[in-house]
Amino acid sequence: ALESVRCQVGNGISMRTIYQHSARF
């Protein structure tokens, strides 16, 4: 997913993501 996200944000698209607290570990 990382490269896709980089290209999309680089094209001026804003992105927000919600994970669960358990992802912090």
PDB file of all heavy atoms in Angstrom:
ATOM      1  N   ALA A   1       0.814  -1.214   0.000  1.00  0.00           N
ATOM      2  CA  ALA A   1       0.000   0.000   0.000  1.00  0.00           C
ATOM      3  C   ALA A   1       0.847   1.264   0.000  1.00  0.00           C
ATOM      4  O   ALA A   1       0.379   2.331  -0.433  1.00  0.00           O
ATOM      5  CB  ALA A   1      -0.917   0.004   1.224  1.00  0.00           C
ATOM      6  N   LEU A   2       2.087   1.185   0.455  1.00  0.00           N
ATOM      7  CA  LEU A   2       2.891   2.375   0.692  1.00  0.00           C
ATOM      8  C   LEU A   2       3.130   3.197  -0.576  1.00  0.00           C
ATOM      9  O   LEU A   2       2.953   4.417  -0.582  1.00  0.00           O
ATOM     10  CB  LEU A   2       4.228   1.981   1.319  1.00  0.00           C
ATOM     11  CG  LEU A   2       5.098   3.126   1.826  1.00  0.00           C
ATOM     12  CD1 LEU A   2       4.355   3.964   2.845  1.00  0.00           C
ATOM     13  CD2 LEU A   2       6.379   2.566   2.445  1.00  0.00           C
ATOM     14  N   GLU A   3       3.512   2.550  -1.663  1.00  0.00           N
ATOM     15  CA  GLU A   3       3.801   3.273  -2.893  1.00  0.00           C
ATOM     16  C   GLU A   3       2.546   3.914  -3.465  1.00  0.00           C
ATOM     17  O   GLU A   3       2.576   5.050  -3.964  1.00  0.00           O
ATOM     18  CB  GLU A   3       4.430   2.337  -3.930  1.00  0.00           C
ATOM     19  CG  GLU A   3       4.767   3.006  -5.251  1.00  0.00           C
ATOM     20  CD  GLU A   3       5.786   4.130  -5.110  1.00  0.00           C
ATOM     21  OE1 GLU A   3       6.504   4.168  -4.083  1.00  0.00           O
ATOM     22  OE2 GLU A   3       5.848   4.977  -6.015  1.00  0.00           O
ATOM     23  N   SER A   4       1.430   3.212  -3.377  1.00  0.00           N
ATOM     24  CA  SER A   4       0.159   3.767  -3.858  1.00  0.00           C
ATOM     25  C   SER A   4      -0.210   5.021  -3.083  1.00  0.00           C
ATOM     26  O   SER A   4      -0.629   6.027  -3.661  1.00  0.00           O
ATOM     27  CB  SER A   4      -0.952   2.723  -3.728  1.00  0.00           C
ATOM     28  OG  SER A   4      -2.204   3.273  -4.055  1.00  0.00           O
ATOM     29  N   VAL A   5      -0.037   4.968  -1.764  1.00  0.00           N
ATOM     30  CA  VAL A   5      -0.346   6.128  -0.925  1.00  0.00           C
ATOM     31  C   VAL A   5       0.561   7.296  -1.294  1.00  0.00           C
ATOM     32  O   VAL A   5       0.106   8.444  -1.422  1.00  0.00           O
ATOM     33  CB  VAL A   5      -0.191   5.771   0.569  1.00  0.00           C
ATOM     34  CG1 VAL A   5      -0.270   7.032   1.431  1.00  0.00           C
ATOM     35  CG2 VAL A   5      -1.259   4.777   0.989  1.00  0.00           C
ATOM     36  N   ARG A   6       1.826   7.030  -1.477  1.00  0.00           N
ATOM     37  CA  ARG A   6       2.772   8.103  -1.828  1.00  0.00           C
ATOM     38  C   ARG A   6       2.364   8.800  -3.126  1.00  0.00           C
ATOM     39  O   ARG A   6       2.373  10.027  -3.218  1.00  0.00           O
ATOM     40  CB  ARG A   6       4.180   7.526  -1.979  1.00  0.00           C
ATOM     41  CG  ARG A   6       5.253   8.595  -2.183  1.00  0.00           C
ATOM     42  CD  ARG A   6       6.587   7.962  -2.550  1.00  0.00           C
ATOM     43  NE  ARG A   6       6.535   7.334  -3.869  1.00  0.00           N
ATOM     44  CZ  ARG A   6       6.636   8.017  -5.015  1.00  0.00           C
ATOM     45  NH1 ARG A   6       6.782   9.334  -5.011  1.00  0.00           N
ATOM     46  NH2 ARG A   6       6.570   7.378  -6.177  1.00  0.00           N
ATOM     47  N   CYS A   7       1.974   8.026  -4.119  1.00  0.00           N
ATOM     48  CA  CYS A   7       1.582   8.610  -5.403  1.00  0.00           C
ATOM     49  C   CYS A   7       0.294   9.428  -5.274  1.00  0.00           C
ATOM     50  O   CYS A   7       0.188  10.530  -5.832  1.00  0.00           O
ATOM     51  CB  CYS A   7       1.383   7.507  -6.441  1.00  0.00           C
ATOM     52  SG  CYS A   7       2.900   6.650  -6.916  1.00  0.00           S
ATOM     53  N   GLN A   8      -0.678   8.902  -4.523  1.00  0.00           N
ATOM     54  CA  GLN A   8      -1.946   9.604  -4.380  1.00  0.00           C
ATOM     55  C   GLN A   8      -1.788  10.921  -3.629  1.00  0.00           C
ATOM     56  O   GLN A   8      -2.305  11.957  -4.056  1.00  0.00           O
ATOM     57  CB  GLN A   8      -2.958   8.694  -3.683  1.00  0.00           C
ATOM     58  CG  GLN A   8      -3.437   7.550  -4.563  1.00  0.00           C
ATOM     59  CD  GLN A   8      -4.077   6.435  -3.774  1.00  0.00           C
ATOM     60  OE1 GLN A   8      -3.866   6.304  -2.572  1.00  0.00           O
ATOM     61  NE2 GLN A   8      -4.851   5.598  -4.457  1.00  0.00           N
ATOM     62  N   VAL A   9      -1.062  10.877  -2.519  1.00  0.00           N
ATOM     63  CA  VAL A   9      -0.847  12.107  -1.754  1.00  0.00           C
ATOM     64  C   VAL A   9       0.005  13.084  -2.566  1.00  0.00           C
ATOM     65  O   VAL A   9      -0.203  14.300  -2.530  1.00  0.00           O
ATOM     66  CB  VAL A   9      -0.204  11.786  -0.392  1.00  0.00           C
ATOM     67  CG1 VAL A   9       0.151  13.069   0.345  1.00  0.00           C
ATOM     68  CG2 VAL A   9      -1.149  10.937   0.458  1.00  0.00           C
ATOM     69  N   GLY A  10       0.960  12.555  -3.317  1.00  0.00           N
ATOM     70  CA  GLY A  10       1.791  13.399  -4.159  1.00  0.00           C
ATOM     71  C   GLY A  10       0.993  14.111  -5.233  1.00  0.00           C
ATOM     72  O   GLY A  10       1.407  15.173  -5.730  1.00  0.00           O
ATOM     73  N   ASN A  11      -0.149  13.556  -5.590  1.00  0.00           N
ATOM     74  CA  ASN A  11      -1.013  14.177  -6.591  1.00  0.00           C
ATOM     75  C   ASN A  11      -2.014  15.142  -5.965  1.00  0.00           C
ATOM     76  O   ASN A  11      -2.963  15.576  -6.628  1.00  0.00           O
ATOM     77  CB  ASN A  11      -1.767  13.100  -7.379  1.00  0.00           C
ATOM     78  CG  ASN A  11      -0.858  12.338  -8.323  1.00  0.00           C
ATOM     79  OD1 ASN A  11       0.127  12.883  -8.821  1.00  0.00           O
ATOM     80  ND2 ASN A  11      -1.174  11.074  -8.567  1.00  0.00           N
ATOM     81  N   GLY A  12      -1.814  15.459  -4.685  1.00  0.00           N
ATOM     82  CA  GLY A  12      -2.660  16.446  -4.026  1.00  0.00           C
ATOM     83  C   GLY A  12      -3.906  15.890  -3.376  1.00  0.00           C
ATOM     84  O   GLY A  12      -4.804  16.657  -2.994  1.00  0.00           O
ATOM     85  N   ILE A  13      -3.996  14.579  -3.223  1.00  0.00           N
ATOM     86  CA  ILE A  13      -5.166  13.963  -2.603  1.00  0.00           C
ATOM     87  C   ILE A  13      -4.940  13.855  -1.097  1.00  0.00           C
ATOM     88  O   ILE A  13      -3.912  13.348  -0.658  1.00  0.00           O
ATOM     89  CB  ILE A  13      -5.413  12.561  -3.199  1.00  0.00           C
ATOM     90  CG1 ILE A  13      -5.657  12.673  -4.706  1.00  0.00           C
ATOM     91  CG2 ILE A  13      -6.596  11.873  -2.516  1.00  0.00           C
ATOM     92  CD1 ILE A  13      -5.646  11.338  -5.420  1.00  0.00           C
ATOM     93  N   SER A  14      -5.879  14.333  -0.300  1.00  0.00           N
ATOM     94  CA  SER A  14      -5.757  14.215   1.153  1.00  0.00           C
ATOM     95  C   SER A  14      -6.242  12.835   1.586  1.00  0.00           C
ATOM     96  O   SER A  14      -7.096  12.218   0.928  1.00  0.00           O
ATOM     97  CB  SER A  14      -6.575  15.305   1.859  1.00  0.00           C
ATOM     98  OG  SER A  14      -7.965  15.128   1.621  1.00  0.00           O
ATOM     99  N   MET A  15      -5.689  12.343   2.679  1.00  0.00           N
ATOM    100  CA  MET A  15      -6.028  11.008   3.145  1.00  0.00           C
ATOM    101  C   MET A  15      -6.046  10.967   4.667  1.00  0.00           C
ATOM    102  O   MET A  15      -5.148  11.500   5.317  1.00  0.00           O
ATOM    103  CB  MET A  15      -5.029   9.983   2.597  1.00  0.00           C
ATOM    104  CG  MET A  15      -5.375   8.531   2.919  1.00  0.00           C
ATOM    105  SD  MET A  15      -4.175   7.351   2.204  1.00  0.00           S
ATOM    106  CE  MET A  15      -4.421   7.663   0.452  1.00  0.00           C
ATOM    107  N   ARG A  16      -7.098  10.340   5.203  1.00  0.00           N
ATOM    108  CA  ARG A  16      -7.195  10.119   6.647  1.00  0.00           C
ATOM    109  C   ARG A  16      -7.523   8.655   6.901  1.00  0.00           C
ATOM    110  O   ARG A  16      -8.341   8.074   6.199  1.00  0.00           O
ATOM    111  CB  ARG A  16      -8.271  11.002   7.276  1.00  0.00           C
ATOM    112  CG  ARG A  16      -7.886  12.477   7.379  1.00  0.00           C
ATOM    113  CD  ARG A  16      -8.982  13.283   8.045  1.00  0.00           C
ATOM    114  NE  ARG A  16     -10.118  13.477   7.157  1.00  0.00           N
ATOM    115  CZ  ARG A  16     -11.359  13.774   7.570  1.00  0.00           C
ATOM    116  NH1 ARG A  16     -11.621  13.822   8.878  1.00  0.00           N
ATOM    117  NH2 ARG A  16     -12.316  13.965   6.700  1.00  0.00           N
ATOM    118  N   THR A  17      -6.889   8.081   7.922  1.00  0.00           N
ATOM    119  CA  THR A  17      -7.076   6.668   8.243  1.00  0.00           C
ATOM    120  C   THR A  17      -7.297   6.487   9.741  1.00  0.00           C
ATOM    121  O   THR A  17      -6.633   7.129  10.555  1.00  0.00           O
ATOM    122  CB  THR A  17      -5.857   5.832   7.811  1.00  0.00           C
ATOM    123  OG1 THR A  17      -5.736   5.875   6.387  1.00  0.00           O
ATOM    124  CG2 THR A  17      -6.001   4.383   8.244  1.00  0.00           C
ATOM    125  N   ILE A  18      -8.234   5.600  10.090  1.00  0.00           N
ATOM    126  CA  ILE A  18      -8.477   5.232  11.484  1.00  0.00           C
ATOM    127  C   ILE A  18      -8.088   3.768  11.680  1.00  0.00           C
ATOM    128  O   ILE A  18      -8.543   2.891  10.942  1.00  0.00           O
ATOM    129  CB  ILE A  18      -9.952   5.419  11.889  1.00  0.00           C
ATOM    130  CG1 ILE A  18     -10.404   6.862  11.686  1.00  0.00           C
ATOM    131  CG2 ILE A  18     -10.159   4.998  13.344  1.00  0.00           C
ATOM    132  CD1 ILE A  18     -11.884   7.078  11.962  1.00  0.00           C
ATOM    133  N   TYR A  19      -7.224   3.519  12.662  1.00  0.00           N
ATOM    134  CA  TYR A  19      -6.897   2.167  13.104  1.00  0.00           C
ATOM    135  C   TYR A  19      -7.465   1.971  14.510  1.00  0.00           C
ATOM    136  O   TYR A  19      -8.007   2.906  15.112  1.00  0.00           O
ATOM    137  CB  TYR A  19      -5.386   1.952  13.152  1.00  0.00           C
ATOM    138  CG  TYR A  19      -4.698   1.839  11.817  1.00  0.00           C
ATOM    139  CD1 TYR A  19      -3.894   2.867  11.341  1.00  0.00           C
ATOM    140  CD2 TYR A  19      -4.824   0.693  11.042  1.00  0.00           C
ATOM    141  CE1 TYR A  19      -3.251   2.768  10.121  1.00  0.00           C
ATOM    142  CE2 TYR A  19      -4.186   0.582   9.822  1.00  0.00           C
ATOM    143  CZ  TYR A  19      -3.401   1.624   9.369  1.00  0.00           C
ATOM    144  OH  TYR A  19      -2.773   1.519   8.161  1.00  0.00           O
ATOM    145  N   GLN A  20      -7.297   0.774  15.042  1.00  0.00           N
ATOM    146  CA  GLN A  20      -7.638   0.537  16.438  1.00  0.00           C
ATOM    147  C   GLN A  20      -6.405   0.747  17.311  1.00  0.00           C
ATOM    148  O   GLN A  20      -5.268   0.676  16.832  1.00  0.00           O
ATOM    149  CB  GLN A  20      -8.196  -0.879  16.611  1.00  0.00           C
ATOM    150  CG  GLN A  20      -9.592  -1.017  16.015  1.00  0.00           C
ATOM    151  CD  GLN A  20     -10.157  -2.404  16.187  1.00  0.00           C
ATOM    152  OE1 GLN A  20      -9.830  -3.290  15.422  1.00  0.00           O
ATOM    153  NE2 GLN A  20     -11.008  -2.599  17.182  1.00  0.00           N
ATOM    154  N   HIS A  21      -6.626   1.020  18.592  1.00  0.00           N
ATOM    155  CA  HIS A  21      -5.506   1.274  19.512  1.00  0.00           C
ATOM    156  C   HIS A  21      -4.471   0.153  19.474  1.00  0.00           C
ATOM    157  O   HIS A  21      -3.269   0.396  19.629  1.00  0.00           O
ATOM    158  CB  HIS A  21      -6.025   1.407  20.944  1.00  0.00           C
ATOM    159  CG  HIS A  21      -6.709   2.713  21.225  1.00  0.00           C
ATOM    160  ND1 HIS A  21      -6.432   3.878  20.540  1.00  0.00           N
ATOM    161  CD2 HIS A  21      -7.661   3.043  22.156  1.00  0.00           C
ATOM    162  CE1 HIS A  21      -7.183   4.859  21.020  1.00  0.00           C
ATOM    163  NE2 HIS A  21      -7.926   4.375  21.997  1.00  0.00           N
ATOM    164  N   SER A  22      -4.923  -1.081  19.274  1.00  0.00           N
ATOM    165  CA  SER A  22      -3.997  -2.214  19.299  1.00  0.00           C
ATOM    166  C   SER A  22      -2.949  -2.124  18.202  1.00  0.00           C
ATOM    167  O   SER A  22      -1.882  -2.744  18.307  1.00  0.00           O
ATOM    168  CB  SER A  22      -4.771  -3.534  19.173  1.00  0.00           C
ATOM    169  OG  SER A  22      -5.632  -3.507  18.041  1.00  0.00           O
ATOM    170  N   ALA A  23      -3.205  -1.355  17.144  1.00  0.00           N
ATOM    171  CA  ALA A  23      -2.218  -1.206  16.061  1.00  0.00           C
ATOM    172  C   ALA A  23      -0.990  -0.431  16.518  1.00  0.00           C
ATOM    173  O   ALA A  23       0.063  -0.489  15.876  1.00  0.00           O
ATOM    174  CB  ALA A  23      -2.855  -0.505  14.865  1.00  0.00           C
ATOM    175  N   ARG A  24      -1.082   0.284  17.626  1.00  0.00           N
ATOM    176  CA  ARG A  24       0.036   1.092  18.120  1.00  0.00           C
ATOM    177  C   ARG A  24       1.216   0.236  18.581  1.00  0.00           C
ATOM    178  O   ARG A  24       2.328   0.734  18.713  1.00  0.00           O
ATOM    179  CB  ARG A  24      -0.418   1.965  19.293  1.00  0.00           C
ATOM    180  CG  ARG A  24      -1.471   2.997  18.936  1.00  0.00           C
ATOM    181  CD  ARG A  24      -1.791   3.820  20.158  1.00  0.00           C
ATOM    182  NE  ARG A  24      -2.842   4.797  19.904  1.00  0.00           N
ATOM    183  CZ  ARG A  24      -2.842   6.024  20.426  1.00  0.00           C
ATOM    184  NH1 ARG A  24      -1.845   6.394  21.199  1.00  0.00           N
ATOM    185  NH2 ARG A  24      -3.833   6.852  20.177  1.00  0.00           N
ATOM    186  N   PHE A  25       0.955  -1.052  18.828  1.00  0.00           N
ATOM    187  CA  PHE A  25       1.996  -1.909  19.375  1.00  0.00           C
ATOM    188  C   PHE A  25       2.669  -2.785  18.320  1.00  0.00           C
ATOM    189  O   PHE A  25       3.511  -3.611  18.651  1.00  0.00           O
ATOM    190  CB  PHE A  25       1.407  -2.788  20.479  1.00  0.00           C
ATOM    191  CG  PHE A  25       0.673  -2.010  21.530  1.00  0.00           C
ATOM    192  CD1 PHE A  25      -0.691  -2.157  21.697  1.00  0.00           C
ATOM    193  CD2 PHE A  25       1.345  -1.092  22.323  1.00  0.00           C
ATOM    194  CE1 PHE A  25      -1.374  -1.418  22.656  1.00  0.00           C
ATOM    195  CE2 PHE A  25       0.665  -0.360  23.284  1.00  0.00           C
ATOM    196  CZ  PHE A  25      -0.691  -0.511  23.454  1.00  0.00           C
TER     197      PHE A  25
END
